[in-house]
Protein backbone atom coordinates (compact mmCIF):
# COMPACT_ATOMS: atom_id res chain seq x y z
CA VAL A 1 46.18 -10.84 -50.09
CA PHE A 2 43.16 -9.47 -52.18
CA ARG A 3 44.01 -5.85 -50.93
CA SER A 4 47.45 -5.82 -52.30
CA ILE A 5 46.95 -7.46 -55.71
CA ASP A 6 49.12 -6.32 -58.62
CA THR A 7 46.40 -6.15 -61.39
CA ARG A 8 49.11 -5.89 -64.10
CA THR A 9 49.98 -9.62 -63.61
CA LYS A 10 48.08 -12.40 -65.40
CA VAL A 11 46.45 -13.78 -62.25
CA GLY A 12 45.85 -10.16 -61.02
CA LYS A 13 44.04 -9.42 -64.18
CA ALA A 14 42.04 -12.61 -63.88
CA PHE A 15 41.04 -11.71 -60.31
CA LEU A 16 39.96 -8.23 -61.36
CA GLU A 17 37.84 -9.80 -64.33
CA TYR A 18 35.71 -11.55 -61.73
CA SER A 19 35.74 -9.07 -58.75
CA SER A 20 34.80 -6.25 -60.87
CA LYS A 21 31.61 -8.01 -61.87
CA GLY A 22 30.91 -8.97 -58.13
CA GLN A 23 31.42 -12.62 -59.06
CA PHE A 24 33.37 -15.07 -56.81
CA VAL A 25 36.91 -15.54 -57.77
CA PRO A 26 37.53 -19.21 -58.72
CA ASP A 27 39.52 -21.29 -56.22
CA ASP A 28 42.54 -22.00 -58.48
CA ILE A 29 42.92 -18.10 -58.94
CA THR A 30 42.47 -17.45 -55.31
CA VAL A 31 45.19 -19.92 -54.28
CA GLU A 32 47.54 -18.78 -57.08
CA LEU A 33 47.16 -15.11 -55.64
CA TRP A 34 47.95 -16.52 -52.18
CA ARG A 35 50.92 -18.42 -53.51
CA GLU A 36 52.27 -15.35 -55.27
CA ALA A 37 52.00 -13.36 -52.00
CA ILE A 38 53.79 -16.06 -50.17
CA ASP A 39 56.57 -16.21 -52.85
CA ALA A 40 56.93 -12.50 -52.63
CA ALA A 41 57.54 -12.63 -48.80
CA VAL A 42 60.08 -15.35 -49.29
CA ASP A 43 61.86 -13.24 -51.81
CA ALA A 44 61.73 -10.21 -49.61
CA HIS A 45 63.10 -12.39 -46.63
CA LYS A 46 59.90 -11.75 -44.67
CA PHE A 47 59.07 -15.43 -44.52
CA LYS A 48 61.57 -18.25 -44.23
CA PRO A 49 59.87 -21.43 -44.88
CA ASP A 50 62.67 -23.53 -43.32
CA ILE A 51 62.38 -21.91 -39.94
CA ASP A 52 59.19 -19.88 -39.80
CA THR A 53 55.77 -21.14 -38.97
CA LEU A 54 53.05 -19.56 -41.24
CA VAL A 55 49.54 -19.01 -39.78
CA LEU A 56 46.83 -18.46 -42.43
CA ASP A 57 43.86 -16.28 -41.89
CA GLY A 58 41.10 -16.46 -44.40
CA ILE A 59 42.49 -19.14 -46.60
CA PRO A 60 41.37 -21.87 -47.46
CA ARG A 61 37.96 -20.54 -47.47
CA ASN A 62 36.35 -23.69 -48.82
CA VAL A 63 37.16 -27.35 -49.42
CA GLY A 64 38.12 -26.82 -53.01
CA GLN A 65 40.90 -24.37 -51.89
CA ALA A 66 42.00 -26.68 -49.18
CA GLU A 67 42.37 -29.52 -51.86
CA ILE A 68 44.41 -27.37 -54.11
CA MET A 69 46.65 -26.26 -51.21
CA ASP A 70 47.35 -29.82 -50.08
CA ASP A 71 50.32 -30.12 -52.40
CA MET A 72 51.62 -26.54 -51.37
CA ILE A 73 51.58 -26.77 -47.60
CA TYR A 74 51.82 -29.02 -44.59
CA VAL A 75 49.14 -28.33 -42.20
CA LYS A 76 50.11 -28.66 -38.56
CA LYS A 77 46.98 -27.13 -37.12
CA VAL A 78 43.70 -25.73 -37.98
CA PHE A 79 42.14 -23.09 -35.62
CA HIS A 80 38.28 -22.89 -35.29
CA LEU A 81 37.46 -19.58 -33.65
CA ALA A 82 34.11 -20.71 -32.02
CA CYS A 83 31.70 -17.92 -31.18
CA PRO A 84 28.27 -19.32 -30.49
CA ASP A 85 27.01 -16.03 -29.15
CA ARG A 86 25.59 -14.37 -32.38
CA GLU A 87 25.22 -11.07 -30.73
CA THR A 88 28.85 -10.94 -29.60
CA LEU A 89 29.74 -12.09 -33.12
CA PHE A 90 27.68 -9.53 -34.79
CA TYR A 91 29.05 -6.74 -32.55
CA ARG A 92 32.82 -7.73 -33.24
CA LEU A 93 32.21 -7.98 -36.97
CA LYS A 94 30.63 -4.66 -37.04
CA LYS A 95 33.28 -3.08 -34.95
CA ARG A 96 36.15 -4.57 -37.13
CA ALA A 97 34.33 -3.32 -40.27
CA LEU A 98 34.12 0.20 -38.97
CA LYS A 99 37.63 0.23 -37.57
CA GLU A 100 38.97 -0.98 -41.01
CA ASN A 101 36.77 1.69 -42.79
CA ARG A 102 34.84 -1.05 -44.63
CA LEU A 103 31.43 0.55 -44.04
CA ASP A 104 29.54 -1.95 -46.35
CA ASP A 105 30.75 -4.89 -43.99
CA ALA A 106 29.14 -3.09 -41.07
CA ASN A 107 25.60 -3.64 -42.40
CA GLU A 108 23.77 -6.26 -40.52
CA GLU A 109 22.36 -7.81 -43.78
CA VAL A 110 25.92 -8.02 -45.17
CA ILE A 111 27.08 -9.74 -41.97
CA LYS A 112 24.10 -12.06 -42.04
CA ARG A 113 24.82 -12.99 -45.87
CA ARG A 114 28.60 -13.63 -44.90
CA LEU A 115 27.72 -15.81 -42.00
CA ASP A 116 25.40 -17.94 -44.31
CA ILE A 117 28.35 -18.15 -46.76
CA TYR A 118 30.67 -19.30 -43.90
CA GLU A 119 28.15 -22.04 -42.85
CA LYS A 120 27.89 -23.23 -46.43
CA GLU A 121 31.43 -22.81 -47.86
CA SER A 122 33.92 -22.41 -45.04
CA LYS A 123 32.67 -24.47 -42.04
CA PRO A 124 32.95 -27.76 -44.03
CA VAL A 125 36.80 -27.02 -44.27
CA LEU A 126 36.92 -28.03 -40.54
CA SER A 127 35.69 -31.51 -41.53
CA TYR A 128 38.14 -31.83 -44.34
CA TYR A 129 41.04 -31.85 -41.93
CA SER A 130 41.41 -34.65 -39.30
CA LYS A 131 39.97 -34.06 -35.97
CA GLU A 132 43.42 -34.09 -34.24
CA LEU A 133 44.48 -31.01 -36.34
CA VAL A 134 41.49 -28.80 -35.32
CA SER A 135 41.93 -26.79 -32.29
CA VAL A 136 38.87 -24.99 -31.04
CA VAL A 137 39.53 -21.41 -29.59
CA ASP A 138 36.93 -19.65 -27.56
CA ALA A 139 36.37 -16.48 -29.62
CA ILE A 140 34.06 -14.96 -27.06
CA GLN A 141 36.95 -14.04 -24.98
CA PRO A 142 38.78 -10.70 -25.48
CA PRO A 143 40.73 -10.60 -28.70
CA VAL A 144 44.20 -10.45 -27.21
CA LYS A 145 43.25 -13.67 -25.22
CA VAL A 146 42.18 -15.36 -28.52
CA LEU A 147 45.64 -14.40 -29.92
CA LEU A 148 47.50 -15.67 -26.90
CA ASP A 149 45.72 -19.00 -27.11
CA ILE A 150 46.66 -19.26 -30.85
CA LEU A 151 50.28 -18.51 -30.14
CA LYS A 152 50.38 -21.04 -27.33
CA SER A 153 48.87 -23.60 -29.48
CA VAL A 154 51.36 -22.89 -32.39
CA ASN A 155 54.13 -23.23 -29.93
CA ASP A 156 52.91 -26.40 -28.39
CA GLY A 157 51.68 -24.74 -25.19
CA ALA A 158 54.85 -22.49 -24.84
CA TYR A 159 54.71 -18.83 -25.33
CA GLU A 160 57.17 -16.40 -24.17
CA PRO A 161 56.96 -12.83 -25.42
CA ALA A 162 60.06 -11.18 -26.95
CA ALA A 163 62.20 -9.37 -24.46
CA VAL A 164 61.81 -5.52 -24.94
C-alpha cells in the first residue's frame, strides 16, 4: 500500500509528512491508507467483497491497527509464519530485500532492528485474536510450500489450482 500512495490526497499528504521525517505513521493514517487502497480495488472490480476472500499481508502491524480495523473487517483466520531458525530468517529477508532492490533492508543491522520491532509491536497481534483464529505455518519450508499451506487453510483444507 505504501509504495503506491497518491501523495496529493489528504491522507497521502499526512503519510508523507511523517515518513519524510523518518517517523512512524500513526495507526489511524495507516489504516485509512489501507482502506482507500481496498476501496480503489473494489471500484476497479479487482476485489469483490461479497465473493472474494482478502488475505492481508503486513497489516495490522500492531494491536492499535487491529483495534481500528475491527469495525472494517471480519477476520476469519490469522497466519503466523513461524521461523524459529534465525539464520534462515536472516537469509530469506536479505534475499527478498535484494530481489526487490531494497538494499537498505539487506543490511543485517536493519534486519535485526526490524525483528526487534516485530517482537515488540507485531507479535502481540497474535494474542489479540482468539487462539482458534491463529494458524501457525512453518515458514522454514520452501516459500511455495508456505503459500500452498496458506491457500489450503484459507479454503478449509481444499486447494485445487486453476486449470490452464
